[in-house]
PDB file of N, CA and C in Angstrom:
ATOM      1  N   UNK A   1     176.217  77.044 177.153  1.00  0.00           N
ATOM      2  CA  UNK A   1     176.728  77.721 175.978  1.00  0.00           C
ATOM      3  C   UNK A   1     178.257  77.788 176.094  1.00  0.00           C
ATOM      4  N   UNK A   2     178.959  77.468 175.033  1.00  0.00           N
ATOM      5  CA  UNK A   2     180.423  77.507 175.094  1.00  0.00           C
ATOM      6  C   UNK A   2     180.955  78.914 175.401  1.00  0.00           C
ATOM      7  N   UNK A   3     182.117  78.951 176.001  1.00  0.00           N
ATOM      8  CA  UNK A   3     182.730  80.221 176.391  1.00  0.00           C
ATOM      9  C   UNK A   3     183.007  81.092 175.172  1.00  0.00           C
ATOM     10  N   UNK A   4     183.405  80.479 174.077  1.00  0.00           N
ATOM     11  CA  UNK A   4     183.722  81.236 172.865  1.00  0.00           C
ATOM     12  C   UNK A   4     182.507  82.002 172.356  1.00  0.00           C
ATOM     13  N   UNK A   5     181.360  81.344 172.268  1.00  0.00           N
ATOM     14  CA  UNK A   5     180.131  81.992 171.796  1.00  0.00           C
ATOM     15  C   UNK A   5     179.700  83.077 172.784  1.00  0.00           C
ATOM     16  N   UNK A   6     179.830  82.792 174.070  1.00  0.00           N
ATOM     17  CA  UNK A   6     179.477  83.788 175.084  1.00  0.00           C
ATOM     18  C   UNK A   6     180.329  85.040 174.944  1.00  0.00           C
ATOM     19  N   UNK A   7     181.618  84.866 174.712  1.00  0.00           N
ATOM     20  CA  UNK A   7     182.503  86.021 174.557  1.00  0.00           C
ATOM     21  C   UNK A   7     182.180  86.824 173.302  1.00  0.00           C
ATOM     22  N   UNK A   8     181.780  86.153 172.237  1.00  0.00           N
ATOM     23  CA  UNK A   8     181.383  86.867 171.020  1.00  0.00           C
ATOM     24  C   UNK A   8     180.135  87.708 171.293  1.00  0.00           C
ATOM     25  N   UNK A   9     179.169  87.130 172.003  1.00  0.00           N
ATOM     26  CA  UNK A   9     177.947  87.868 172.334  1.00  0.00           C
ATOM     27  C   UNK A   9     178.270  89.040 173.250  1.00  0.00           C
ATOM     28  N   UNK A  10     179.138  88.827 174.237  1.00  0.00           N
ATOM     29  CA  UNK A  10     179.546  89.924 175.118  1.00  0.00           C
ATOM     30  C   UNK A  10     180.220  91.042 174.332  1.00  0.00           C
ATOM     31  N   UNK A  11     181.119  90.696 173.430  1.00  0.00           N
ATOM     32  CA  UNK A  11     181.815  91.713 172.635  1.00  0.00           C
ATOM     33  C   UNK A  11     180.834  92.543 171.824  1.00  0.00           C
ATOM     34  N   UNK A  12     179.866  91.877 171.215  1.00  0.00           N
ATOM     35  CA  UNK A  12     178.865  92.586 170.417  1.00  0.00           C
ATOM     36  C   UNK A  12     178.086  93.583 171.273  1.00  0.00           C
ATOM     37  N   UNK A  13     177.536  93.104 172.383  1.00  0.00           N
ATOM     38  CA  UNK A  13     176.659  93.958 173.175  1.00  0.00           C
ATOM     39  C   UNK A  13     177.411  95.019 173.969  1.00  0.00           C
ATOM     40  N   UNK A  14     178.645  94.758 174.344  1.00  0.00           N
ATOM     41  CA  UNK A  14     179.425  95.793 175.023  1.00  0.00           C
ATOM     42  C   UNK A  14     179.699  96.946 174.077  1.00  0.00           C
ATOM     43  N   UNK A  15     180.148  96.657 172.869  1.00  0.00           N
ATOM     44  CA  UNK A  15     180.423  97.746 171.925  1.00  0.00           C
ATOM     45  C   UNK A  15     179.133  98.441 171.495  1.00  0.00           C
ATOM     46  N   UNK A  16     178.055  97.689 171.338  1.00  0.00           N
ATOM     47  CA  UNK A  16     176.754  98.280 171.023  1.00  0.00           C
ATOM     48  C   UNK A  16     176.320  99.234 172.136  1.00  0.00           C
ATOM     49  N   UNK A  17     176.454  98.796 173.370  1.00  0.00           N
ATOM     50  CA  UNK A  17     176.051  99.613 174.510  1.00  0.00           C
ATOM     51  C   UNK A  17     176.912 100.845 174.703  1.00  0.00           C
ATOM     52  N   UNK A  18     178.200 100.733 174.422  1.00  0.00           N
ATOM     53  CA  UNK A  18     179.082 101.898 174.557  1.00  0.00           C
ATOM     54  C   UNK A  18     178.673 102.984 173.571  1.00  0.00           C
ATOM     55  N   UNK A  19     178.434 102.614 172.324  1.00  0.00           N
ATOM     56  CA  UNK A  19     178.037 103.602 171.317  1.00  0.00           C
ATOM     57  C   UNK A  19     176.683 104.199 171.669  1.00  0.00           C
ATOM     58  N   UNK A  20     175.725 103.345 171.993  1.00  0.00           N
ATOM     59  CA  UNK A  20     174.383 103.822 172.291  1.00  0.00           C
ATOM     60  C   UNK A  20     174.359 104.681 173.554  1.00  0.00           C
ATOM     61  N   UNK A  21     175.059 104.252 174.587  1.00  0.00           N
ATOM     62  CA  UNK A  21     175.100 105.020 175.830  1.00  0.00           C
ATOM     63  C   UNK A  21     175.807 106.355 175.678  1.00  0.00           C
ATOM     64  N   UNK A  22     176.930 106.353 174.977  1.00  0.00           N
ATOM     65  CA  UNK A  22     177.663 107.606 174.774  1.00  0.00           C
ATOM     66  C   UNK A  22     176.829 108.595 173.978  1.00  0.00           C
ATOM     67  N   UNK A  23     176.157 108.118 172.952  1.00  0.00           N
ATOM     68  CA  UNK A  23     175.328 109.011 172.133  1.00  0.00           C
ATOM     69  C   UNK A  23     174.122 109.515 172.907  1.00  0.00           C
ATOM     70  N   UNK A  24     173.537 108.663 173.720  1.00  0.00           N
ATOM     71  CA  UNK A  24     172.378 109.077 174.515  1.00  0.00           C
ATOM     72  C   UNK A  24     172.757 110.171 175.502  1.00  0.00           C
ATOM     73  N   UNK A  25     173.843 109.966 176.219  1.00  0.00           N
ATOM     74  CA  UNK A  25     174.249 110.973 177.193  1.00  0.00           C
ATOM     75  C   UNK A  25     174.771 112.238 176.526  1.00  0.00           C
ATOM     76  N   UNK A  26     175.363 112.108 175.350  1.00  0.00           N
ATOM     77  CA  UNK A  26     175.767 113.300 174.598  1.00  0.00           C
ATOM     78  C   UNK A  26     174.541 114.088 174.160  1.00  0.00           C
ATOM     79  N   UNK A  27     173.477 113.386 173.788  1.00  0.00           N
ATOM     80  CA  UNK A  27     172.230 114.061 173.430  1.00  0.00           C
ATOM     81  C   UNK A  27     171.631 114.802 174.611  1.00  0.00           C
ATOM     82  N   UNK A  28     171.688 114.208 175.794  1.00  0.00           N
ATOM     83  CA  UNK A  28     171.200 114.885 176.997  1.00  0.00           C
ATOM     84  C   UNK A  28     172.042 116.125 177.276  1.00  0.00           C
ATOM     85  N   UNK A  29     173.361 115.988 177.127  1.00  0.00           N
ATOM     86  CA  UNK A  29     174.238 117.141 177.312  1.00  0.00           C
ATOM     87  C   UNK A  29     173.979 118.235 176.293  1.00  0.00           C
ATOM     88  N   UNK A  30     173.651 117.846 175.070  1.00  0.00           N
ATOM     89  CA  UNK A  30     173.350 118.833 174.034  1.00  0.00           C
ATOM     90  C   UNK A  30     172.067 119.587 174.358  1.00  0.00           C
ATOM     91  N   UNK A  31     171.081 118.891 174.903  1.00  0.00           N
ATOM     92  CA  UNK A  31     169.838 119.564 175.297  1.00  0.00           C
ATOM     93  C   UNK A  31     170.114 120.565 176.411  1.00  0.00           C
ATOM     94  N   UNK A  32     170.930 120.176 177.374  1.00  0.00           N
ATOM     95  CA  UNK A  32     171.270 121.080 178.477  1.00  0.00           C
ATOM     96  C   UNK A  32     172.016 122.304 177.960  1.00  0.00           C
ATOM     97  N   UNK A  33     172.904 122.115 176.968  1.00  0.00           N
ATOM     98  CA  UNK A  33     173.690 123.219 176.412  1.00  0.00           C
ATOM     99  C   UNK A  33     172.988 123.951 175.278  1.00  0.00           C
ATOM    100  N   UNK A  34     171.737 123.588 175.006  1.00  0.00           N
ATOM    101  CA  UNK A  34     170.950 124.232 173.961  1.00  0.00           C
ATOM    102  C   UNK A  34     171.574 124.055 172.574  1.00  0.00           C
ATOM    103  N   UNK A  35     172.063 122.844 172.303  1.00  0.00           N
ATOM    104  CA  UNK A  35     172.578 122.468 170.990  1.00  0.00           C
ATOM    105  C   UNK A  35     171.642 121.425 170.393  1.00  0.00           C
ATOM    106  N   UNK A  36     171.702 121.213 169.079  1.00  0.00           N
ATOM    107  CA  UNK A  36     170.832 120.185 168.487  1.00  0.00           C
ATOM    108  C   UNK A  36     171.263 118.778 168.921  1.00  0.00           C
ATOM    109  N   UNK A  37     170.394 118.055 169.622  1.00  0.00           N
ATOM    110  CA  UNK A  37     170.805 116.757 170.170  1.00  0.00           C
ATOM    111  C   UNK A  37     171.072 115.689 169.114  1.00  0.00           C
ATOM    112  N   UNK A  38     170.267 115.625 168.065  1.00  0.00           N
ATOM    113  CA  UNK A  38     170.477 114.572 167.074  1.00  0.00           C
ATOM    114  C   UNK A  38     171.785 114.757 166.325  1.00  0.00           C
ATOM    115  N   UNK A  39     172.126 115.989 166.005  1.00  0.00           N
ATOM    116  CA  UNK A  39     173.395 116.248 165.316  1.00  0.00           C
ATOM    117  C   UNK A  39     174.565 115.893 166.226  1.00  0.00           C
ATOM    118  N   UNK A  40     174.456 116.252 167.489  1.00  0.00           N
ATOM    119  CA  UNK A  40     175.510 115.929 168.452  1.00  0.00           C
ATOM    120  C   UNK A  40     175.660 114.421 168.605  1.00  0.00           C
ATOM    121  N   UNK A  41     174.550 113.722 168.694  1.00  0.00           N
ATOM    122  CA  UNK A  41     174.593 112.264 168.829  1.00  0.00           C
ATOM    123  C   UNK A  41     175.207 111.618 167.593  1.00  0.00           C
ATOM    124  N   UNK A  42     174.857 112.120 166.422  1.00  0.00           N
ATOM    125  CA  UNK A  42     175.381 111.572 165.171  1.00  0.00           C
ATOM    126  C   UNK A  42     176.885 111.812 165.058  1.00  0.00           C
ATOM    127  N   UNK A  43     177.328 113.024 165.375  1.00  0.00           N
ATOM    128  CA  UNK A  43     178.753 113.347 165.289  1.00  0.00           C
ATOM    129  C   UNK A  43     179.574 112.521 166.280  1.00  0.00           C
ATOM    130  N   UNK A  44     179.069 112.382 167.488  1.00  0.00           N
ATOM    131  CA  UNK A  44     179.795 111.614 168.495  1.00  0.00           C
ATOM    132  C   UNK A  44     179.806 110.125 168.154  1.00  0.00           C
ATOM    133  N   UNK A  45     178.698 109.623 167.636  1.00  0.00           N
ATOM    134  CA  UNK A  45     178.615 108.204 167.292  1.00  0.00           C
ATOM    135  C   UNK A  45     179.655 107.792 166.269  1.00  0.00           C
ATOM    136  N   UNK A  46     179.948 108.690 165.331  1.00  0.00           N
ATOM    137  CA  UNK A  46     180.948 108.377 164.306  1.00  0.00           C
ATOM    138  C   UNK A  46     182.349 108.286 164.902  1.00  0.00           C
ATOM    139  N   UNK A  47     182.614 109.078 165.939  1.00  0.00           N
ATOM    140  CA  UNK A  47     183.971 109.102 166.482  1.00  0.00           C
ATOM    141  C   UNK A  47     184.190 108.125 167.638  1.00  0.00           C
ATOM    142  N   UNK A  48     183.140 107.629 168.239  1.00  0.00           N
ATOM    143  CA  UNK A  48     183.300 106.781 169.417  1.00  0.00           C
ATOM    144  C   UNK A  48     183.336 105.286 169.066  1.00  0.00           C
ATOM    145  N   UNK A  49     183.119 104.937 167.811  1.00  0.00           N
ATOM    146  CA  UNK A  49     183.053 103.513 167.441  1.00  0.00           C
ATOM    147  C   UNK A  49     184.351 102.770 167.742  1.00  0.00           C
ATOM    148  N   UNK A  50     185.490 103.355 167.416  1.00  0.00           N
ATOM    149  CA  UNK A  50     186.759 102.656 167.649  1.00  0.00           C
ATOM    150  C   UNK A  50     186.998 102.441 169.141  1.00  0.00           C
ATOM    151  N   UNK A  51     186.554 103.392 169.970  1.00  0.00           N
ATOM    152  CA  UNK A  51     186.724 103.236 171.411  1.00  0.00           C
ATOM    153  C   UNK A  51     185.754 102.202 171.961  1.00  0.00           C
ATOM    154  N   UNK A  52     184.616 102.064 171.334  1.00  0.00           N
ATOM    155  CA  UNK A  52     183.680 101.015 171.741  1.00  0.00           C
ATOM    156  C   UNK A  52     184.267  99.638 171.463  1.00  0.00           C
ATOM    157  N   UNK A  53     184.936  99.506 170.332  1.00  0.00           N
ATOM    158  CA  UNK A  53     185.579  98.229 169.997  1.00  0.00           C
ATOM    159  C   UNK A  53     186.707  97.942 170.986  1.00  0.00           C
ATOM    160  N   UNK A  54     187.514  98.954 171.296  1.00  0.00           N
ATOM    161  CA  UNK A  54     188.611  98.763 172.250  1.00  0.00           C
ATOM    162  C   UNK A  54     188.076  98.390 173.630  1.00  0.00           C
ATOM    163  N   UNK A  55     186.976  98.999 174.035  1.00  0.00           N
ATOM    164  CA  UNK A  55     186.373  98.674 175.324  1.00  0.00           C
ATOM    165  C   UNK A  55     185.846  97.243 175.340  1.00  0.00           C
ATOM    166  N   UNK A  56     185.203  96.845 174.267  1.00  0.00           N
ATOM    167  CA  UNK A  56     184.655  95.487 174.201  1.00  0.00           C
ATOM    168  C   UNK A  56     185.749  94.432 174.218  1.00  0.00           C
ATOM    169  N   UNK A  57     186.922  94.780 173.728  1.00  0.00           N
ATOM    170  CA  UNK A  57     188.022  93.812 173.678  1.00  0.00           C
ATOM    171  C   UNK A  57     188.872  93.814 174.939  1.00  0.00           C
ATOM    172  N   UNK A  58     188.482  94.563 175.937  1.00  0.00           N
ATOM    173  CA  UNK A  58     189.191  94.525 177.201  1.00  0.00           C
ATOM    174  C   UNK A  58     189.839  95.827 177.597  1.00  0.00           C
ATOM    175  N   UNK A  59     189.558  96.892 176.912  1.00  0.00           N
ATOM    176  CA  UNK A  59     190.069  98.197 177.299  1.00  0.00           C
ATOM    177  C   UNK A  59     191.416  98.546 176.709  1.00  0.00           C
ATOM    178  N   UNK A  60     192.130  97.581 176.190  1.00  0.00           N
ATOM    179  CA  UNK A  60     193.410  97.856 175.546  1.00  0.00           C
ATOM    180  C   UNK A  60     193.416  97.156 174.198  1.00  0.00           C
ATOM    181  N   UNK A  61     194.494  97.285 173.510  1.00  0.00           N
ATOM    182  CA  UNK A  61     194.609  96.623 172.221  1.00  0.00           C
ATOM    183  C   UNK A  61     195.387  95.313 172.344  1.00  0.00           C
ATOM    184  N   UNK A  62     195.270  94.648 173.499  1.00  0.00           N
ATOM    185  CA  UNK A  62     195.962  93.372 173.696  1.00  0.00           C
ATOM    186  C   UNK A  62     195.426  92.299 172.755  1.00  0.00           C
ATOM    187  N   UNK A  63     194.188  92.449 172.339  1.00  0.00           N
ATOM    188  CA  UNK A  63     193.615  91.487 171.395  1.00  0.00           C
ATOM    189  C   UNK A  63     194.370  91.503 170.076  1.00  0.00           C
ATOM    190  N   UNK A  64     194.800  92.690 169.659  1.00  0.00           N
ATOM    191  CA  UNK A  64     195.569  92.790 168.425  1.00  0.00           C
ATOM    192  C   UNK A  64     196.960  92.180 168.595  1.00  0.00           C
ATOM    193  N   UNK A  65     197.530  92.288 169.794  1.00  0.00           N
ATOM    194  CA  UNK A  65     198.816  91.655 170.070  1.00  0.00           C
ATOM    195  C   UNK A  65     198.676  90.131 170.037  1.00  0.00           C
ATOM    196  N   UNK A  66     197.581  89.618 170.594  1.00  0.00           N
ATOM    197  CA  UNK A  66     197.341  88.175 170.536  1.00  0.00           C
ATOM    198  C   UNK A  66     197.148  87.714 169.102  1.00  0.00           C
ATOM    199  N   UNK A  67     196.480  88.536 168.310  1.00  0.00           N
ATOM    200  CA  UNK A  67     196.290  88.210 166.898  1.00  0.00           C
ATOM    201  C   UNK A  67     197.633  88.143 166.185  1.00  0.00           C
ATOM    202  N   UNK A  68     198.485  89.125 166.455  1.00  0.00           N
ATOM    203  CA  UNK A  68     199.817  89.139 165.844  1.00  0.00           C
ATOM    204  C   UNK A  68     200.627  87.914 166.270  1.00  0.00           C
ATOM    205  N   UNK A  69     200.588  87.610 167.567  1.00  0.00           N
ATOM    206  CA  UNK A  69     201.308  86.439 168.056  1.00  0.00           C
ATOM    207  C   UNK A  69     200.784  85.147 167.459  1.00  0.00           C
ATOM    208  N   UNK A  70     199.480  85.060 167.288  1.00  0.00           N
ATOM    209  CA  UNK A  70     198.891  83.868 166.686  1.00  0.00           C
ATOM    210  C   UNK A  70     199.291  83.692 165.241  1.00  0.00           C
ATOM    211  N   UNK A  71     199.410  84.789 164.519  1.00  0.00           N
ATOM    212  CA  UNK A  71     199.788  84.700 163.111  1.00  0.00           C
ATOM    213  C   UNK A  71     201.255  84.334 162.939  1.00  0.00           C
ATOM    214  N   UNK A  72     202.130  84.947 163.739  1.00  0.00           N
ATOM    215  CA  UNK A  72     203.561  84.721 163.561  1.00  0.00           C
ATOM    216  C   UNK A  72     204.052  83.427 164.200  1.00  0.00           C
ATOM    217  N   UNK A  73     203.313  82.896 165.171  1.00  0.00           N
ATOM    218  CA  UNK A  73     203.699  81.635 165.793  1.00  0.00           C
ATOM    219  C   UNK A  73     202.988  80.443 165.168  1.00  0.00           C
ATOM    220  N   UNK A  74     202.123  80.705 164.229  1.00  0.00           N
ATOM    221  CA  UNK A  74     201.420  79.626 163.552  1.00  0.00           C
ATOM    222  C   UNK A  74     200.212  79.093 164.295  1.00  0.00           C
ATOM    223  N   UNK A  75     199.750  79.808 165.303  1.00  0.00           N
ATOM    224  CA  UNK A  75     198.564  79.380 166.047  1.00  0.00           C
ATOM    225  C   UNK A  75     197.328  79.941 165.345  1.00  0.00           C
ATOM    226  N   UNK A  76     196.888  79.242 164.350  1.00  0.00           N
ATOM    227  CA  UNK A  76     195.793  79.719 163.502  1.00  0.00           C
ATOM    228  C   UNK A  76     194.481  79.790 164.280  1.00  0.00           C
ATOM    229  N   UNK A  77     194.246  78.830 165.150  1.00  0.00           N
ATOM    230  CA  UNK A  77     192.999  78.808 165.922  1.00  0.00           C
ATOM    231  C   UNK A  77     192.879  80.052 166.804  1.00  0.00           C
ATOM    232  N   UNK A  78     193.965  80.440 167.456  1.00  0.00           N
ATOM    233  CA  UNK A  78     193.965  81.638 168.292  1.00  0.00           C
ATOM    234  C   UNK A  78     193.735  82.887 167.446  1.00  0.00           C
ATOM    235  N   UNK A  79     194.355  82.941 166.286  1.00  0.00           N
ATOM    236  CA  UNK A  79     194.190  84.098 165.402  1.00  0.00           C
ATOM    237  C   UNK A  79     192.749  84.212 164.911  1.00  0.00           C
ATOM    238  N   UNK A  80     192.140  83.092 164.571  1.00  0.00           N
ATOM    239  CA  UNK A  80     190.748  83.118 164.096  1.00  0.00           C
ATOM    240  C   UNK A  80     189.806  83.552 165.215  1.00  0.00           C
ATOM    241  N   UNK A  81     190.056  83.083 166.431  1.00  0.00           N
ATOM    242  CA  UNK A  81     189.241  83.505 167.570  1.00  0.00           C
ATOM    243  C   UNK A  81     189.311  85.016 167.760  1.00  0.00           C
ATOM    244  N   UNK A  82     190.520  85.568 167.715  1.00  0.00           N
ATOM    245  CA  UNK A  82     190.679  87.006 167.918  1.00  0.00           C
ATOM    246  C   UNK A  82     190.021  87.805 166.801  1.00  0.00           C
ATOM    247  N   UNK A  83     190.124  87.320 165.576  1.00  0.00           N
ATOM    248  CA  UNK A  83     189.469  88.002 164.453  1.00  0.00           C
ATOM    249  C   UNK A  83     187.961  88.003 164.657  1.00  0.00           C
ATOM    250  N   UNK A  84     187.409  86.893 165.123  1.00  0.00           N
ATOM    251  CA  UNK A  84     185.965  86.832 165.353  1.00  0.00           C
ATOM    252  C   UNK A  84     185.533  87.740 166.500  1.00  0.00           C
ATOM    253  N   UNK A  85     186.357  87.851 167.556  1.00  0.00           N
ATOM    254  CA  UNK A  85     186.044  88.790 168.639  1.00  0.00           C
ATOM    255  C   UNK A  85     186.045  90.224 168.122  1.00  0.00           C
ATOM    256  N   UNK A  86     187.048  90.564 167.326  1.00  0.00           N
ATOM    257  CA  UNK A  86     187.150  91.917 166.777  1.00  0.00           C
ATOM    258  C   UNK A  86     185.979  92.198 165.841  1.00  0.00           C
ATOM    259  N   UNK A  87     185.647  91.243 164.984  1.00  0.00           N
ATOM    260  CA  UNK A  87     184.513  91.429 164.069  1.00  0.00           C
ATOM    261  C   UNK A  87     183.202  91.585 164.832  1.00  0.00           C
ATOM    262  N   UNK A  88     183.033  90.812 165.874  1.00  0.00           N
ATOM    263  CA  UNK A  88     181.820  90.921 166.674  1.00  0.00           C
ATOM    264  C   UNK A  88     181.709  92.303 167.309  1.00  0.00           C
ATOM    265  N   UNK A  89     182.812  92.808 167.838  1.00  0.00           N
ATOM    266  CA  UNK A  89     182.796  94.141 168.436  1.00  0.00           C
ATOM    267  C   UNK A  89     182.556  95.217 167.381  1.00  0.00           C
ATOM    268  N   UNK A  90     183.153  95.068 166.206  1.00  0.00           N
ATOM    269  CA  UNK A  90     182.926  96.035 165.126  1.00  0.00           C
ATOM    270  C   UNK A  90     181.473  96.029 164.669  1.00  0.00           C
ATOM    271  N   UNK A  91     180.902  94.856 164.547  1.00  0.00           N
ATOM    272  CA  UNK A  91     179.500  94.762 164.131  1.00  0.00           C
ATOM    273  C   UNK A  91     178.593  95.398 165.187  1.00  0.00           C
ATOM    274  N   UNK A  92     178.880  95.167 166.456  1.00  0.00           N
ATOM    275  CA  UNK A  92     178.086  95.784 167.522  1.00  0.00           C
ATOM    276  C   UNK A  92     178.179  97.297 167.506  1.00  0.00           C
ATOM    277  N   UNK A  93     179.390  97.830 167.313  1.00  0.00           N
ATOM    278  CA  UNK A  93     179.559  99.284 167.266  1.00  0.00           C
ATOM    279  C   UNK A  93     178.850  99.873 166.052  1.00  0.00           C
ATOM    280  N   UNK A  94     178.965  99.215 164.917  1.00  0.00           N
ATOM    281  CA  UNK A  94     178.281  99.710 163.719  1.00  0.00           C
ATOM    282  C   UNK A  94     176.767  99.605 163.854  1.00  0.00           C
ATOM    283  N   UNK A  95     176.292  98.559 164.498  1.00  0.00           N
ATOM    284  CA  UNK A  95     174.855  98.417 164.714  1.00  0.00           C
ATOM    285  C   UNK A  95     174.336  99.543 165.612  1.00  0.00           C
ATOM    286  N   UNK A  96     175.088  99.865 166.662  1.00  0.00           N
ATOM    287  CA  UNK A  96     174.705 100.982 167.528  1.00  0.00           C
ATOM    288  C   UNK A  96     174.701 102.303 166.785  1.00  0.00           C
ATOM    289  N   UNK A  97     175.708 102.530 165.949  1.00  0.00           N
ATOM    290  CA  UNK A  97     175.772 103.767 165.172  1.00  0.00           C
ATOM    291  C   UNK A  97     174.641 103.826 164.151  1.00  0.00           C
ATOM    292  N   UNK A  98     174.318 102.690 163.539  1.00  0.00           N
ATOM    293  CA  UNK A  98     173.207 102.667 162.588  1.00  0.00           C
ATOM    294  C   UNK A  98     171.873 102.929 163.282  1.00  0.00           C
ATOM    295  N   UNK A  99     171.741 102.513 164.528  1.00  0.00           N
ATOM    296  CA  UNK A  99     170.533 102.823 165.284  1.00  0.00           C
ATOM    297  C   UNK A  99     170.429 104.328 165.532  1.00  0.00           C
ATOM    298  N   UNK A 100     171.553 104.970 165.797  1.00  0.00           N
ATOM    299  CA  UNK A 100     171.562 106.428 165.966  1.00  0.00           C
ATOM    300  C   UNK A 100     171.224 107.107 164.644  1.00  0.00           C
ATOM    301  N   UNK A 101     171.765 106.598 163.544  1.00  0.00           N
ATOM    302  CA  UNK A 101     171.431 107.164 162.231  1.00  0.00           C
ATOM    303  C   UNK A 101     169.948 106.993 161.929  1.00  0.00           C
ATOM    304  N   UNK A 102     169.380 105.852 162.311  1.00  0.00           N
ATOM    305  CA  UNK A 102     167.953 105.630 162.116  1.00  0.00           C
ATOM    306  C   UNK A 102     167.140 106.627 162.934  1.00  0.00           C
ATOM    307  N   UNK A 103     167.583 106.888 164.145  1.00  0.00           N
ATOM    308  CA  UNK A 103     166.914 107.875 164.990  1.00  0.00           C
ATOM    309  C   UNK A 103     166.965 109.256 164.346  1.00  0.00           C
ATOM    310  N   UNK A 104     168.105 109.580 163.746  1.00  0.00           N
ATOM    311  CA  UNK A 104     168.229 110.865 163.066  1.00  0.00           C
ATOM    312  C   UNK A 104     167.281 110.934 161.866  1.00  0.00           C
ATOM    313  N   UNK A 105     167.191 109.861 161.101  1.00  0.00           N
ATOM    314  CA  UNK A 105     166.276 109.829 159.948  1.00  0.00           C
ATOM    315  C   UNK A 105     164.826 109.956 160.403  1.00  0.00           C
ATOM    316  N   UNK A 106     164.473 109.291 161.499  1.00  0.00           N
ATOM    317  CA  UNK A 106     163.113 109.413 162.024  1.00  0.00           C
ATOM    318  C   UNK A 106     162.842 110.837 162.493  1.00  0.00           C
ATOM    319  N   UNK A 107     163.851 111.483 163.055  1.00  0.00           N
ATOM    320  CA  UNK A 107     163.700 112.880 163.457  1.00  0.00           C
ATOM    321  C   UNK A 107     163.452 113.784 162.269  1.00  0.00           C
ATOM    322  N   UNK A 108     164.120 113.507 161.156  1.00  0.00           N
ATOM    323  CA  UNK A 108     163.890 114.299 159.944  1.00  0.00           C
ATOM    324  C   UNK A 108     162.480 114.082 159.417  1.00  0.00           C
ATOM    325  N   UNK A 109     161.985 112.861 159.491  1.00  0.00           N
ATOM    326  CA  UNK A 109     160.630 112.565 159.008  1.00  0.00           C
ATOM    327  C   UNK A 109     159.589 113.244 159.897  1.00  0.00           C
ATOM    328  N   UNK A 110     159.808 113.206 161.222  1.00  0.00           N
ATOM    329  CA  UNK A 110     158.832 113.777 162.146  1.00  0.00           C
ATOM    330  C   UNK A 110     158.760 115.293 162.067  1.00  0.00           C
ATOM    331  N   UNK A 111     159.858 115.938 161.677  1.00  0.00           N
ATOM    332  CA  UNK A 111     159.853 117.403 161.625  1.00  0.00           C
ATOM    333  C   UNK A 111     159.283 117.943 160.328  1.00  0.00           C
ATOM    334  N   UNK A 112     158.980 117.083 159.375  1.00  0.00           N
ATOM    335  CA  UNK A 112     158.403 117.554 158.109  1.00  0.00           C
ATOM    336  C   UNK A 112     156.930 117.810 158.243  1.00  0.00           C
TER     337      UNK A 112
END
């Protein structure tokens, strides 16, 4: 498998895992603190998405600097690669958050 496709898959699953893991452990912490776990997971999931994307891209915003350099130096191929990495990480983070939202909806259905 080409390195480019592998990196896109890594970006997706890293950001997905960061959102899902953070929400899961926040839910455990909410249970320990006697707070509603689903509400805590939902609130945290909304705020942790940008950090999941930053983590998937290497922990810093160097990917955005490479994107800027690619655009201003005329390196279109590099800019397109960085945009695809960022989009992959965003899709992974949103997919993880949507899974948490689905869990919340299932919790509402089960409590009726």
